[in-house]
Each structure stands twice: as C-alpha cells, then as structure tokens.
C-alpha cells in the first residue's frame, strides 16, 4: 500500500465511523458513488421509515478523498447542531415542568 491508499482508508474509516454513530440516532441513509471519471458523490438524508426527509448533505468533489473529507466534516457539523438543538429543547421542557 502506498501513502494515497493509506490516506483513503483512514478517511473511509473516519467517515463510516461518524456516519454509523449518527445513522440510528437520526434515521440517516446515505448514497455514495465514486468512479474513475471524477464523478464522486456522497448524499446523506434524514429518513422517517421508508420516506426520505431533509437532505443532510450533498458532496461532489474531484477525488474520493476530498469527497470523504468534506462529507465527514458535514456530518460532524450536523451532529453538533442537532446536539445543540436537542439541548435547547430539553431546557425548554425543564422550564415548562417547573
């Protein structure tokens, strides 16, 4: 294995680890497509049952490595925003209960 293959493996592992941790929690589904012509795409959607909901991210880049890097960053950002929103909702629910 050369350096480029090692980097891609690390990026794939990081992306899939991040995605799997959020998949069940938020009902996510992904579509990934990579080819030799530079048509690299990752789309991630929130789903309710079989129905697609809001698109979480759509990443199109020249290389699979850049695509994985950006999609991982988008997922981390998505998780942070969701956690902030959930924390605010819990605070509001606590105020109502008092």
C-alpha atoms as a PDB file:
ATOM      1  CA  UNK A   1       0.000   0.000   0.000  1.00  0.00           C
ATOM      2  CA  UNK A   2       1.190   3.469  -0.771  1.00  0.00           C
ATOM      3  CA  UNK A   3       0.511   6.713   1.067  1.00  0.00           C
ATOM      4  CA  UNK A   4      -2.573   7.615  -1.040  1.00  0.00           C
ATOM      5  CA  UNK A   5      -4.219   4.260  -0.317  1.00  0.00           C
ATOM      6  CA  UNK A   6      -3.450   4.620   3.390  1.00  0.00           C
ATOM      7  CA  UNK A   7      -4.972   8.107   3.435  1.00  0.00           C
ATOM      8  CA  UNK A   8      -8.119   6.930   1.657  1.00  0.00           C
ATOM      9  CA  UNK A   9      -8.513   4.012   4.083  1.00  0.00           C
ATOM     10  CA  UNK A  10      -8.204   6.362   7.069  1.00  0.00           C
ATOM     11  CA  UNK A  11     -10.732   8.783   5.522  1.00  0.00           C
ATOM     12  CA  UNK A  12     -13.177   5.945   4.736  1.00  0.00           C
ATOM     13  CA  UNK A  13     -12.888   4.585   8.278  1.00  0.00           C
ATOM     14  CA  UNK A  14     -13.445   8.030   9.799  1.00  0.00           C
ATOM     15  CA  UNK A  15     -16.428   8.751   7.533  1.00  0.00           C
ATOM     16  CA  UNK A  16     -18.120   5.401   8.191  1.00  0.00           C
ATOM     17  CA  UNK A  17     -17.468   5.591  11.945  1.00  0.00           C
ATOM     18  CA  UNK A  18     -19.046   9.051  12.063  1.00  0.00           C
ATOM     19  CA  UNK A  19     -21.944   8.016   9.817  1.00  0.00           C
ATOM     20  CA  UNK A  20     -22.709   4.803  11.755  1.00  0.00           C
ATOM     21  CA  UNK A  21     -22.753   6.670  15.067  1.00  0.00           C
ATOM     22  CA  UNK A  22     -25.433   9.037  13.705  1.00  0.00           C
ATOM     23  CA  UNK A  23     -27.351   6.616  11.470  1.00  0.00           C
ATOM     24  CA  UNK A  24     -29.635   5.084  14.109  1.00  0.00           C
ATOM     25  CA  UNK A  25     -29.840   8.166  16.286  1.00  0.00           C
ATOM     26  CA  UNK A  26     -31.212  10.374  13.494  1.00  0.00           C
ATOM     27  CA  UNK A  27     -32.504   7.837  10.941  1.00  0.00           C
ATOM     28  CA  UNK A  28     -29.895   8.637   8.296  1.00  0.00           C
ATOM     29  CA  UNK A  29     -29.389   6.992   4.913  1.00  0.00           C
ATOM     30  CA  UNK A  30     -26.516   7.523   2.522  1.00  0.00           C
ATOM     31  CA  UNK A  31     -25.813   7.175  -1.163  1.00  0.00           C
ATOM     32  CA  UNK A  32     -22.187   7.037  -2.253  1.00  0.00           C
ATOM     33  CA  UNK A  33     -20.837   6.904  -5.782  1.00  0.00           C
ATOM     34  CA  UNK A  34     -17.193   7.046  -6.877  1.00  0.00           C
ATOM     35  CA  UNK A  35     -15.797   6.475 -10.366  1.00  0.00           C
ATOM     36  CA  UNK A  36     -12.604   6.964 -12.356  1.00  0.00           C
ATOM     37  CA  UNK A  37     -14.014   9.960 -14.240  1.00  0.00           C
ATOM     38  CA  UNK A  38     -14.137  12.226 -11.178  1.00  0.00           C
ATOM     39  CA  UNK A  39     -17.872  11.828 -10.568  1.00  0.00           C
ATOM     40  CA  UNK A  40     -17.639  11.423  -6.811  1.00  0.00           C
ATOM     41  CA  UNK A  41     -20.786  11.913  -4.771  1.00  0.00           C
ATOM     42  CA  UNK A  42     -21.990  11.372  -1.221  1.00  0.00           C
ATOM     43  CA  UNK A  43     -25.556  12.254  -0.235  1.00  0.00           C
ATOM     44  CA  UNK A  44     -26.992  11.770   3.245  1.00  0.00           C
ATOM     45  CA  UNK A  45     -30.675  12.068   4.113  1.00  0.00           C
ATOM     46  CA  UNK A  46     -32.777  12.046   7.269  1.00  0.00           C
ATOM     47  CA  UNK A  47     -35.479   9.398   6.819  1.00  0.00           C
ATOM     48  CA  UNK A  48     -38.681   8.556   8.598  1.00  0.00           C
ATOM     49  CA  UNK A  49     -39.402   4.902   7.863  1.00  0.00           C
ATOM     50  CA  UNK A  50     -39.055   4.419   4.127  1.00  0.00           C
ATOM     51  CA  UNK A  51     -39.677   8.082   3.315  1.00  0.00           C
ATOM     52  CA  UNK A  52     -36.801  10.456   2.632  1.00  0.00           C
ATOM     53  CA  UNK A  53     -36.903  13.642   4.610  1.00  0.00           C
ATOM     54  CA  UNK A  54     -34.436  16.502   4.726  1.00  0.00           C
ATOM     55  CA  UNK A  55     -31.095  16.170   2.931  1.00  0.00           C
ATOM     56  CA  UNK A  56     -28.296  16.476   5.473  1.00  0.00           C
ATOM     57  CA  UNK A  57     -25.509  16.879   2.935  1.00  0.00           C
ATOM     58  CA  UNK A  58     -24.602  16.543  -0.710  1.00  0.00           C
ATOM     59  CA  UNK A  59     -20.910  16.476  -1.515  1.00  0.00           C
ATOM     60  CA  UNK A  60     -19.451  16.352  -5.022  1.00  0.00           C
ATOM     61  CA  UNK A  61     -15.668  16.565  -5.377  1.00  0.00           C
ATOM     62  CA  UNK A  62     -12.963  15.699  -7.908  1.00  0.00           C
ATOM     63  CA  UNK A  63     -11.372  12.988  -5.750  1.00  0.00           C
ATOM     64  CA  UNK A  64     -12.920  10.375  -3.452  1.00  0.00           C
ATOM     65  CA  UNK A  65     -10.603  11.543  -0.667  1.00  0.00           C
ATOM     66  CA  UNK A  66     -11.900  15.128  -0.824  1.00  0.00           C
ATOM     67  CA  UNK A  67     -15.458  13.843  -1.013  1.00  0.00           C
ATOM     68  CA  UNK A  68     -14.992  11.698   2.120  1.00  0.00           C
ATOM     69  CA  UNK A  69     -13.213  14.523   3.958  1.00  0.00           C
ATOM     70  CA  UNK A  70     -15.989  17.056   3.269  1.00  0.00           C
ATOM     71  CA  UNK A  71     -18.820  14.612   3.995  1.00  0.00           C
ATOM     72  CA  UNK A  72     -17.226  13.703   7.337  1.00  0.00           C
ATOM     73  CA  UNK A  73     -16.952  17.384   8.223  1.00  0.00           C
ATOM     74  CA  UNK A  74     -20.573  17.967   7.214  1.00  0.00           C
ATOM     75  CA  UNK A  75     -21.713  15.044   9.388  1.00  0.00           C
ATOM     76  CA  UNK A  76     -19.737  16.313  12.373  1.00  0.00           C
ATOM     77  CA  UNK A  77     -21.285  19.768  11.913  1.00  0.00           C
ATOM     78  CA  UNK A  78     -24.766  18.210  11.586  1.00  0.00           C
ATOM     79  CA  UNK A  79     -24.270  16.250  14.819  1.00  0.00           C
ATOM     80  CA  UNK A  80     -23.107  19.364  16.670  1.00  0.00           C
ATOM     81  CA  UNK A  81     -26.134  21.389  15.510  1.00  0.00           C
ATOM     82  CA  UNK A  82     -28.543  18.550  16.396  1.00  0.00           C
ATOM     83  CA  UNK A  83     -26.990  18.232  19.866  1.00  0.00           C
ATOM     84  CA  UNK A  84     -27.340  21.978  20.437  1.00  0.00           C
ATOM     85  CA  UNK A  85     -30.992  21.918  19.310  1.00  0.00           C
ATOM     86  CA  UNK A  86     -31.740  18.887  21.494  1.00  0.00           C
ATOM     87  CA  UNK A  87     -30.101  20.597  24.486  1.00  0.00           C
ATOM     88  CA  UNK A  88     -32.219  23.707  23.972  1.00  0.00           C
ATOM     89  CA  UNK A  89     -35.395  21.620  23.721  1.00  0.00           C
ATOM     90  CA  UNK A  90     -34.530  19.814  26.965  1.00  0.00           C
ATOM     91  CA  UNK A  91     -34.016  23.165  28.733  1.00  0.00           C
ATOM     92  CA  UNK A  92     -37.382  24.436  27.448  1.00  0.00           C
ATOM     93  CA  UNK A  93     -39.101  21.224  28.587  1.00  0.00           C
ATOM     94  CA  UNK A  94     -37.493  21.616  32.027  1.00  0.00           C
ATOM     95  CA  UNK A  95     -38.786  25.192  32.319  1.00  0.00           C
ATOM     96  CA  UNK A  96     -42.313  24.094  31.409  1.00  0.00           C
ATOM     97  CA  UNK A  97     -42.277  21.327  34.028  1.00  0.00           C
ATOM     98  CA  UNK A  98     -41.376  23.747  36.849  1.00  0.00           C
END
